[in-house]
Amino acid sequence: MHNELSVPAFRPPGMQQGLAAIFMAACFVAAGLFSPHQTWFDHIGRPQFKDVIPSQFGDWVDSGDATGGLIIDPQRQEALDNLYTQIVSRTYVHKRDGRRIMLSLAYGDIQTYAKQLHRPEACYSSQGFEIQDLHQDQLQAYGQTINLYRMTARAIGRLEQVTYWIRIGEKVVSGPPHALNIERMVMGLKGYVADGLLFRVSELAEDAQSSDQLQNQFIIDLLHALNPVQRAMLIGQNDKI
């Protein structure tokens, strides 16, 4: 009895190249079909934060100073303009005691690895500030828990108490940098391209605890002045998409 050796079916080179081309074309079509093209805000209207944030609310009034706290050199400002699609910087004065809160919003309508939000501690450090007591905290507002960060930024002749949070898509995200990447992927699985917002408030003050309390009041007063859709632009929403 003789063992018969199996011989692979012969495919002409042209057929192999054709199959490879068909496979590549199918992958390209599938990527186009399953890649998200709609941003989260497409279903409620794209935000214009300069119009969303009122110039006066509660006991606060816009002073007209648009520095927003951190002083940015022109070269870095150009990089920020390329990274973000909207930047809003204002300084608000408390009518009762004259204390000033600096507000800065940085918004990117498409969040990718190359165009992701920059954390304030990195921006302040690059401007020569020493970052102290960076820690996570929470603020309860409108039935939601806002996971935020606080820190003290120190430079020669300047001590700034800073509070910030980052919203990716439908929720405020805290934790290590890769948490932002995870939320972008979650939004992608839901069929949305994730947008991102960095919300930062700060005060030039020595007393961190007192400043934190004032910043909390500023945030709550601001959210109270907004309608539900506008609030979602800042802090996301509890409802599922």
C-alpha atoms as a PDB file:
ATOM      1  CA  MET A   1       0.000   0.000   0.000  1.00  0.00           C
ATOM      2  CA  HIS A   2       1.401   3.354  -0.963  1.00  0.00           C
ATOM      3  CA  ASN A   3       0.912   6.531   1.077  1.00  0.00           C
ATOM      4  CA  GLU A   4      -0.524   9.285  -1.019  1.00  0.00           C
ATOM      5  CA  LEU A   5       0.829  12.739  -0.374  1.00  0.00           C
ATOM      6  CA  SER A   6      -1.735  15.538  -0.368  1.00  0.00           C
ATOM      7  CA  VAL A   7      -0.834  18.315  -2.750  1.00  0.00           C
ATOM      8  CA  PRO A   8      -2.067  21.885  -2.020  1.00  0.00           C
ATOM      9  CA  ALA A   9      -4.383  23.245  -4.634  1.00  0.00           C
ATOM     10  CA  PHE A  10      -2.552  25.445  -7.075  1.00  0.00           C
ATOM     11  CA  ARG A  11      -3.736  29.049  -7.317  1.00  0.00           C
ATOM     12  CA  PRO A  12      -2.301  31.232 -10.033  1.00  0.00           C
ATOM     13  CA  PRO A  13      -0.463  34.363  -8.748  1.00  0.00           C
ATOM     14  CA  GLY A  14      -3.093  36.578 -10.281  1.00  0.00           C
ATOM     15  CA  MET A  15      -5.855  34.849  -8.312  1.00  0.00           C
ATOM     16  CA  GLN A  16      -3.951  35.284  -5.003  1.00  0.00           C
ATOM     17  CA  GLN A  17      -3.469  38.978  -5.661  1.00  0.00           C
ATOM     18  CA  GLY A  18      -7.135  39.332  -6.521  1.00  0.00           C
ATOM     19  CA  LEU A  19      -8.232  37.662  -3.291  1.00  0.00           C
ATOM     20  CA  ALA A  20      -5.915  39.915  -1.290  1.00  0.00           C
ATOM     21  CA  ALA A  21      -7.325  42.989  -3.007  1.00  0.00           C
ATOM     22  CA  ILE A  22     -10.909  41.855  -2.286  1.00  0.00           C
ATOM     23  CA  PHE A  23     -10.037  41.236   1.380  1.00  0.00           C
ATOM     24  CA  MET A  24      -8.434  44.665   1.725  1.00  0.00           C
ATOM     25  CA  ALA A  25     -11.423  46.336   0.080  1.00  0.00           C
ATOM     26  CA  ALA A  26     -13.810  44.509   2.417  1.00  0.00           C
ATOM     27  CA  CYS A  27     -11.795  45.643   5.441  1.00  0.00           C
ATOM     28  CA  PHE A  28     -11.863  49.218   4.177  1.00  0.00           C
ATOM     29  CA  VAL A  29     -15.636  49.139   3.703  1.00  0.00           C
ATOM     30  CA  ALA A  30     -16.173  47.544   7.120  1.00  0.00           C
ATOM     31  CA  ALA A  31     -13.997  50.158   8.789  1.00  0.00           C
ATOM     32  CA  GLY A  32     -16.041  52.881   7.160  1.00  0.00           C
ATOM     33  CA  LEU A  33     -19.321  51.298   8.179  1.00  0.00           C
ATOM     34  CA  PHE A  34     -18.421  50.583  11.805  1.00  0.00           C
ATOM     35  CA  SER A  35     -16.271  53.626  12.581  1.00  0.00           C
ATOM     36  CA  PRO A  36     -18.276  56.268  14.485  1.00  0.00           C
ATOM     37  CA  HIS A  37     -18.949  59.471  12.565  1.00  0.00           C
ATOM     38  CA  GLN A  38     -21.408  61.227  14.873  1.00  0.00           C
ATOM     39  CA  THR A  39     -20.174  63.226  17.856  1.00  0.00           C
ATOM     40  CA  TRP A  40     -22.031  63.041  21.146  1.00  0.00           C
ATOM     41  CA  PHE A  41     -23.368  66.590  20.791  1.00  0.00           C
ATOM     42  CA  ASP A  42     -24.808  66.018  17.342  1.00  0.00           C
ATOM     43  CA  HIS A  43     -28.019  64.738  18.959  1.00  0.00           C
ATOM     44  CA  ILE A  44     -28.531  67.880  21.083  1.00  0.00           C
ATOM     45  CA  GLY A  45     -26.745  70.547  19.042  1.00  0.00           C
ATOM     46  CA  ARG A  46     -23.103  71.541  18.961  1.00  0.00           C
ATOM     47  CA  PRO A  47     -22.140  73.789  21.884  1.00  0.00           C
ATOM     48  CA  GLN A  48     -20.904  77.356  21.528  1.00  0.00           C
ATOM     49  CA  PHE A  49     -19.429  77.881  24.960  1.00  0.00           C
ATOM     50  CA  LYS A  50     -18.945  81.622  24.623  1.00  0.00           C
ATOM     51  CA  ASP A  51     -22.737  81.830  24.349  1.00  0.00           C
ATOM     52  CA  VAL A  52     -23.525  79.040  26.830  1.00  0.00           C
ATOM     53  CA  ILE A  53     -21.613  80.608  29.742  1.00  0.00           C
ATOM     54  CA  PRO A  54     -23.474  83.748  30.925  1.00  0.00           C
ATOM     55  CA  SER A  55     -21.569  86.932  31.658  1.00  0.00           C
ATOM     56  CA  GLN A  56     -23.589  87.422  34.840  1.00  0.00           C
ATOM     57  CA  PHE A  57     -25.285  84.926  37.164  1.00  0.00           C
ATOM     58  CA  GLY A  58     -26.048  84.792  40.867  1.00  0.00           C
ATOM     59  CA  ASP A  59     -23.626  87.081  42.684  1.00  0.00           C
ATOM     60  CA  TRP A  60     -21.063  86.882  39.883  1.00  0.00           C
ATOM     61  CA  VAL A  61     -20.303  89.281  37.052  1.00  0.00           C
ATOM     62  CA  ASP A  62     -17.743  89.089  34.263  1.00  0.00           C
ATOM     63  CA  SER A  63     -14.983  91.634  34.897  1.00  0.00           C
ATOM     64  CA  GLY A  64     -13.976  91.779  31.231  1.00  0.00           C
ATOM     65  CA  ASP A  65     -10.550  90.284  31.988  1.00  0.00           C
ATOM     66  CA  ALA A  66     -10.118  87.372  29.598  1.00  0.00           C
ATOM     67  CA  THR A  67      -6.770  86.065  30.860  1.00  0.00           C
ATOM     68  CA  GLY A  68      -8.388  83.113  32.625  1.00  0.00           C
ATOM     69  CA  GLY A  69      -5.582  82.827  35.129  1.00  0.00           C
ATOM     70  CA  LEU A  70      -2.690  81.118  33.378  1.00  0.00           C
ATOM     71  CA  ILE A  71      -0.520  83.364  31.211  1.00  0.00           C
ATOM     72  CA  ILE A  72       0.357  81.620  27.930  1.00  0.00           C
ATOM     73  CA  ASP A  73       3.229  82.592  25.661  1.00  0.00           C
ATOM     74  CA  PRO A  74       2.353  83.146  21.954  1.00  0.00           C
ATOM     75  CA  GLN A  75       4.035  79.954  20.736  1.00  0.00           C
ATOM     76  CA  ARG A  76       2.152  77.806  23.226  1.00  0.00           C
ATOM     77  CA  GLN A  77      -1.075  79.688  22.472  1.00  0.00           C
ATOM     78  CA  GLU A  78      -0.746  78.710  18.818  1.00  0.00           C
ATOM     79  CA  ALA A  79      -0.352  75.053  19.830  1.00  0.00           C
ATOM     80  CA  LEU A  80      -3.461  75.282  22.025  1.00  0.00           C
ATOM     81  CA  ASP A  81      -5.442  76.847  19.183  1.00  0.00           C
ATOM     82  CA  ASN A  82      -4.514  73.854  17.002  1.00  0.00           C
ATOM     83  CA  LEU A  83      -5.458  71.401  19.748  1.00  0.00           C
ATOM     84  CA  TYR A  84      -8.813  72.889  20.815  1.00  0.00           C
ATOM     85  CA  THR A  85     -11.742  74.041  18.719  1.00  0.00           C
ATOM     86  CA  GLN A  86     -13.010  76.451  21.401  1.00  0.00           C
ATOM     87  CA  ILE A  87     -11.316  78.250  24.297  1.00  0.00           C
ATOM     88  CA  VAL A  88     -13.228  80.527  26.665  1.00  0.00           C
ATOM     89  CA  SER A  89     -11.371  82.486  29.360  1.00  0.00           C
ATOM     90  CA  ARG A  90     -13.060  84.901  31.751  1.00  0.00           C
ATOM     91  CA  THR A  91     -12.627  86.401  35.207  1.00  0.00           C
ATOM     92  CA  TYR A  92     -15.690  86.813  37.421  1.00  0.00           C
ATOM     93  CA  VAL A  93     -15.995  89.141  40.406  1.00  0.00           C
ATOM     94  CA  HIS A  94     -18.122  88.273  43.423  1.00  0.00           C
ATOM     95  CA  LYS A  95     -20.443  91.226  44.025  1.00  0.00           C
ATOM     96  CA  ARG A  96     -20.440  90.898  47.825  1.00  0.00           C
ATOM     97  CA  ASP A  97     -16.754  90.707  48.667  1.00  0.00           C
ATOM     98  CA  GLY A  98     -14.924  91.428  45.410  1.00  0.00           C
ATOM     99  CA  ARG A  99     -13.120  88.083  45.240  1.00  0.00           C
ATOM    100  CA  ARG A 100     -12.217  87.010  41.731  1.00  0.00           C
ATOM    101  CA  ILE A 101     -12.646  83.575  40.164  1.00  0.00           C
ATOM    102  CA  MET A 102     -10.881  82.821  36.892  1.00  0.00           C
ATOM    103  CA  LEU A 103     -12.701  80.491  34.508  1.00  0.00           C
ATOM    104  CA  SER A 104     -11.203  78.647  31.550  1.00  0.00           C
ATOM    105  CA  LEU A 105     -12.936  76.208  29.202  1.00  0.00           C
ATOM    106  CA  ALA A 106     -10.985  74.284  26.569  1.00  0.00           C
ATOM    107  CA  TYR A 107     -13.082  72.207  24.171  1.00  0.00           C
ATOM    108  CA  GLY A 108     -12.077  69.726  21.490  1.00  0.00           C
ATOM    109  CA  ASP A 109     -14.866  68.389  19.281  1.00  0.00           C
ATOM    110  CA  ILE A 110     -12.878  65.273  18.306  1.00  0.00           C
ATOM    111  CA  GLN A 111     -10.787  63.440  20.885  1.00  0.00           C
ATOM    112  CA  THR A 112      -7.989  61.251  19.524  1.00  0.00           C
ATOM    113  CA  TYR A 113      -4.594  60.240  20.889  1.00  0.00           C
ATOM    114  CA  ALA A 114      -2.990  63.088  18.938  1.00  0.00           C
ATOM    115  CA  LYS A 115      -5.650  65.651  19.891  1.00  0.00           C
ATOM    116  CA  GLN A 116      -6.513  64.842  23.474  1.00  0.00           C
ATOM    117  CA  LEU A 117      -7.030  67.309  26.299  1.00  0.00           C
ATOM    118  CA  HIS A 118      -3.998  68.389  28.305  1.00  0.00           C
ATOM    119  CA  ARG A 119      -4.212  68.246  32.078  1.00  0.00           C
ATOM    120  CA  PRO A 120      -3.693  71.605  33.820  1.00  0.00           C
ATOM    121  CA  GLU A 121      -0.859  70.349  36.028  1.00  0.00           C
ATOM    122  CA  ALA A 122       1.188  69.736  32.888  1.00  0.00           C
ATOM    123  CA  CYS A 123       0.334  73.163  31.454  1.00  0.00           C
ATOM    124  CA  TYR A 124       1.130  74.970  34.705  1.00  0.00           C
ATOM    125  CA  SER A 125       4.396  73.055  35.116  1.00  0.00           C
ATOM    126  CA  SER A 126       5.485  73.977  31.593  1.00  0.00           C
ATOM    127  CA  GLN A 127       4.938  77.641  32.524  1.00  0.00           C
ATOM    128  CA  GLY A 128       7.266  77.384  35.515  1.00  0.00           C
ATOM    129  CA  PHE A 129       4.755  76.683  38.286  1.00  0.00           C
ATOM    130  CA  GLU A 130       5.403  74.224  41.082  1.00  0.00           C
ATOM    131  CA  ILE A 131       2.402  71.911  41.554  1.00  0.00           C
ATOM    132  CA  GLN A 132       1.478  71.144  45.154  1.00  0.00           C
ATOM    133  CA  ASP A 133      -1.207  68.999  46.778  1.00  0.00           C
ATOM    134  CA  LEU A 134      -2.737  67.626  43.585  1.00  0.00           C
ATOM    135  CA  HIS A 135      -5.629  65.407  44.677  1.00  0.00           C
ATOM    136  CA  GLN A 136      -9.045  64.138  43.653  1.00  0.00           C
ATOM    137  CA  ASP A 137     -12.242  65.458  45.168  1.00  0.00           C
ATOM    138  CA  GLN A 138     -15.985  65.338  44.532  1.00  0.00           C
ATOM    139  CA  LEU A 139     -18.764  67.882  44.241  1.00  0.00           C
ATOM    140  CA  GLN A 140     -22.457  67.024  44.379  1.00  0.00           C
ATOM    141  CA  ALA A 141     -24.585  69.053  41.980  1.00  0.00           C
ATOM    142  CA  TYR A 142     -27.961  68.423  40.324  1.00  0.00           C
ATOM    143  CA  GLY A 143     -28.062  64.774  41.317  1.00  0.00           C
ATOM    144  CA  GLN A 144     -24.633  64.068  39.873  1.00  0.00           C
ATOM    145  CA  THR A 145     -21.270  63.479  41.454  1.00  0.00           C
ATOM    146  CA  ILE A 146     -18.648  65.569  39.696  1.00  0.00           C
ATOM    147  CA  ASN A 147     -15.245  63.907  40.043  1.00  0.00           C
ATOM    148  CA  LEU A 148     -12.786  66.755  40.018  1.00  0.00           C
ATOM    149  CA  TYR A 149      -9.182  67.606  40.859  1.00  0.00           C
ATOM    150  CA  ARG A 150      -7.730  70.296  43.064  1.00  0.00           C
ATOM    151  CA  MET A 151      -4.187  71.602  43.272  1.00  0.00           C
ATOM    152  CA  THR A 152      -2.079  74.560  44.285  1.00  0.00           C
ATOM    153  CA  ALA A 153       0.127  76.144  41.616  1.00  0.00           C
ATOM    154  CA  ARG A 154       3.015  78.180  43.034  1.00  0.00           C
ATOM    155  CA  ALA A 155       5.338  80.569  41.240  1.00  0.00           C
ATOM    156  CA  ILE A 156       7.374  83.577  42.318  1.00  0.00           C
ATOM    157  CA  GLY A 157       4.895  86.138  43.620  1.00  0.00           C
ATOM    158  CA  ARG A 158       1.863  84.018  42.672  1.00  0.00           C
ATOM    159  CA  LEU A 159      -0.133  81.357  44.528  1.00  0.00           C
ATOM    160  CA  GLU A 160      -3.123  79.958  42.664  1.00  0.00           C
ATOM    161  CA  GLN A 161      -5.736  77.515  43.941  1.00  0.00           C
ATOM    162  CA  VAL A 162      -7.060  75.443  41.028  1.00  0.00           C
ATOM    163  CA  THR A 163     -10.056  73.165  40.544  1.00  0.00           C
ATOM    164  CA  TYR A 164     -10.726  71.292  37.313  1.00  0.00           C
ATOM    165  CA  TRP A 165     -12.470  68.348  35.704  1.00  0.00           C
ATOM    166  CA  ILE A 166     -12.462  66.653  32.318  1.00  0.00           C
ATOM    167  CA  ARG A 167     -15.559  65.530  30.454  1.00  0.00           C
ATOM    168  CA  ILE A 168     -15.180  62.953  27.693  1.00  0.00           C
ATOM    169  CA  GLY A 169     -18.380  62.354  25.782  1.00  0.00           C
ATOM    170  CA  GLU A 170     -21.288  61.789  28.148  1.00  0.00           C
ATOM    171  CA  LYS A 171     -19.428  61.720  31.480  1.00  0.00           C
ATOM    172  CA  VAL A 172     -16.789  63.371  33.639  1.00  0.00           C
ATOM    173  CA  VAL A 173     -13.724  61.128  33.759  1.00  0.00           C
ATOM    174  CA  SER A 174     -11.208  60.887  36.574  1.00  0.00           C
ATOM    175  CA  GLY A 175      -8.249  58.636  37.244  1.00  0.00           C
ATOM    176  CA  PRO A 176      -5.008  57.998  35.329  1.00  0.00           C
ATOM    177  CA  PRO A 177      -4.483  59.238  31.753  1.00  0.00           C
ATOM    178  CA  HIS A 178      -5.512  55.905  30.209  1.00  0.00           C
ATOM    179  CA  ALA A 179      -8.996  56.381  31.721  1.00  0.00           C
ATOM    180  CA  LEU A 180      -9.593  59.036  29.048  1.00  0.00           C
ATOM    181  CA  ASN A 181      -8.615  56.541  26.345  1.00  0.00           C
ATOM    182  CA  ILE A 182     -11.001  53.938  27.772  1.00  0.00           C
ATOM    183  CA  GLU A 183     -13.908  56.391  27.755  1.00  0.00           C
ATOM    184  CA  ARG A 184     -13.135  57.360  24.147  1.00  0.00           C
ATOM    185  CA  MET A 185     -13.349  53.663  23.221  1.00  0.00           C
ATOM    186  CA  VAL A 186     -16.607  53.263  25.159  1.00  0.00           C
ATOM    187  CA  MET A 187     -18.115  56.157  23.234  1.00  0.00           C
ATOM    188  CA  GLY A 188     -16.872  54.613  19.999  1.00  0.00           C
ATOM    189  CA  LEU A 189     -18.640  51.334  20.791  1.00  0.00           C
ATOM    190  CA  LYS A 190     -21.835  53.366  21.249  1.00  0.00           C
ATOM    191  CA  GLY A 191     -21.333  54.822  17.776  1.00  0.00           C
ATOM    192  CA  TYR A 192     -20.046  58.245  18.781  1.00  0.00           C
ATOM    193  CA  VAL A 193     -16.817  60.131  18.258  1.00  0.00           C
ATOM    194  CA  ALA A 194     -15.917  61.425  21.722  1.00  0.00           C
ATOM    195  CA  ASP A 195     -15.586  65.135  22.263  1.00  0.00           C
ATOM    196  CA  GLY A 196     -13.816  66.541  25.317  1.00  0.00           C
ATOM    197  CA  LEU A 197     -14.053  69.498  27.667  1.00  0.00           C
ATOM    198  CA  LEU A 198     -11.573  70.766  30.239  1.00  0.00           C
ATOM    199  CA  PHE A 199     -13.341  72.928  32.844  1.00  0.00           C
ATOM    200  CA  ARG A 200     -11.008  74.895  35.126  1.00  0.00           C
ATOM    201  CA  VAL A 201     -11.608  77.538  37.791  1.00  0.00           C
ATOM    202  CA  SER A 202      -9.006  79.128  40.028  1.00  0.00           C
ATOM    203  CA  GLU A 203      -8.343  81.922  42.493  1.00  0.00           C
ATOM    204  CA  LEU A 204      -5.219  83.778  43.569  1.00  0.00           C
ATOM    205  CA  ALA A 205      -5.359  82.984  47.282  1.00  0.00           C
ATOM    206  CA  GLU A 206      -3.274  81.700  50.179  1.00  0.00           C
ATOM    207  CA  ASP A 207      -6.031  79.727  51.919  1.00  0.00           C
ATOM    208  CA  ALA A 208      -6.773  76.620  49.867  1.00  0.00           C
ATOM    209  CA  GLN A 209      -9.777  75.535  51.939  1.00  0.00           C
ATOM    210  CA  SER A 210     -11.503  78.902  51.714  1.00  0.00           C
ATOM    211  CA  SER A 211     -10.792  79.075  47.995  1.00  0.00           C
ATOM    212  CA  ASP A 212     -12.164  75.575  47.429  1.00  0.00           C
ATOM    213  CA  GLN A 213     -15.411  76.586  49.115  1.00  0.00           C
ATOM    214  CA  LEU A 214     -15.727  79.705  46.991  1.00  0.00           C
ATOM    215  CA  GLN A 215     -14.985  77.770  43.816  1.00  0.00           C
ATOM    216  CA  ASN A 216     -17.616  75.191  44.765  1.00  0.00           C
ATOM    217  CA  GLN A 217     -20.159  77.985  45.158  1.00  0.00           C
ATOM    218  CA  PHE A 218     -19.144  79.477  41.809  1.00  0.00           C
ATOM    219  CA  ILE A 219     -19.610  76.123  40.064  1.00  0.00           C
ATOM    220  CA  ILE A 220     -23.000  75.483  41.679  1.00  0.00           C
ATOM    221  CA  ASP A 221     -24.198  79.017  40.860  1.00  0.00           C
ATOM    222  CA  LEU A 222     -23.065  78.601  37.258  1.00  0.00           C
ATOM    223  CA  LEU A 223     -24.795  75.236  36.830  1.00  0.00           C
ATOM    224  CA  HIS A 224     -27.953  76.694  38.369  1.00  0.00           C
ATOM    225  CA  ALA A 225     -27.974  79.410  35.695  1.00  0.00           C
ATOM    226  CA  LEU A 226     -27.938  76.850  32.853  1.00  0.00           C
ATOM    227  CA  ASN A 227     -30.680  74.717  31.373  1.00  0.00           C
ATOM    228  CA  PRO A 228     -30.362  70.883  31.434  1.00  0.00           C
ATOM    229  CA  VAL A 229     -28.833  70.665  27.963  1.00  0.00           C
ATOM    230  CA  GLN A 230     -26.270  73.351  28.769  1.00  0.00           C
ATOM    231  CA  ARG A 231     -25.410  71.646  32.055  1.00  0.00           C
ATOM    232  CA  ALA A 232     -24.836  68.410  30.150  1.00  0.00           C
ATOM    233  CA  MET A 233     -22.307  70.273  28.011  1.00  0.00           C
ATOM    234  CA  LEU A 234     -20.265  70.851  31.169  1.00  0.00           C
ATOM    235  CA  ILE A 235     -20.847  67.789  33.353  1.00  0.00           C
ATOM    236  CA  GLY A 236     -22.324  65.162  31.032  1.00  0.00           C
ATOM    237  CA  GLN A 237     -25.547  63.410  31.841  1.00  0.00           C
ATOM    238  CA  ASN A 238     -26.804  60.453  33.844  1.00  0.00           C
ATOM    239  CA  ASP A 239     -29.237  59.241  31.184  1.00  0.00           C
ATOM    240  CA  LYS A 240     -27.957  56.643  28.760  1.00  0.00           C
ATOM    241  CA  ILE A 241     -27.621  57.587  25.121  1.00  0.00           C
END
